[in-house]
């Protein structure tokens, strides 16, 4: 029986994916008692990733490591959420870890993470501290759900203005929960899918990733549905990983990819709002929110 299935979606990040897998294998050696598998879903990469992943799978098989490696090669880019869903369908693990291909997780004790979740059956999701290259936490890994008020405070700059004042940070910093101590274990609304550990049965019960989100927002949506079922989502900073962010997204060197990614980014905001908040508000409020998102998109 497999304890942990690790799912990685690859898209034109061959060199970084190599670093990701090397670091991951280093961590897994620290938890020899848990049985793991790695499932890599490639979304029609054109940078040589397919060839690399085939060689990686063959090499791993010959080395007779305890970790089984599976590779799924898509002929077209089906999107992040759908690719992860494909991986889950192949997964045999009790727990599922969604790990971005640009995340370096070389010092994580997975046995300890699974033990922590097993001791509290109310935990539905767990993440570690996800750091950016300059050392600060990735804001997307420590999120509050983007209500109208929280989003307004964030985009109006109120979150940044009051983040160092504890009482006001609680009021104005809900978008990234800036009032919480990043050194301590606590509940959050959602981590990023860069490092998203959950139970397979919970993931299946809530219906997996919503594939209407092509890229961005699918992790928030999944967390929203999991919390709605009464589960806790835990930030566990005893371990950290490095997120080499935007390698294939908003900061891509190719303008065409950057523009398309921006479209997915702002479309995700609309989809999330319409799905979870729109039905609670009237027509004029919903129109205004869509207009605000469009204005932000044009300003970017």
Foldseek 3Di string as FASTA:
>chain_A
DAAEEEEEEDAQPQVLLVQQVVLVVLQVVLAVPGQYEYEYEYAQHDNCNVVVLVVVQVVCVVVPDSYHYHYHYDNHRLFDQVSVVVSLVVDDHQKYKQAYSNKRANHDNVVVVVVVCVVPVLAFKEDAFEAEPVGHGDLQFQAAQDDVQQVCLVVVVVCVVCLVPLVSNCVRVRGSSSNDDLVDKDFGQFGDSNTMMGGSVLCVVLPGFDSVLRYPQRRNVSSVSSVVVPGTYMYHHPGYMYGHPPPQECPDPDPVSNLVRLVSHLVSVLVVCCVPPVVVDDPVVNVVVNVVSVVVSVVD
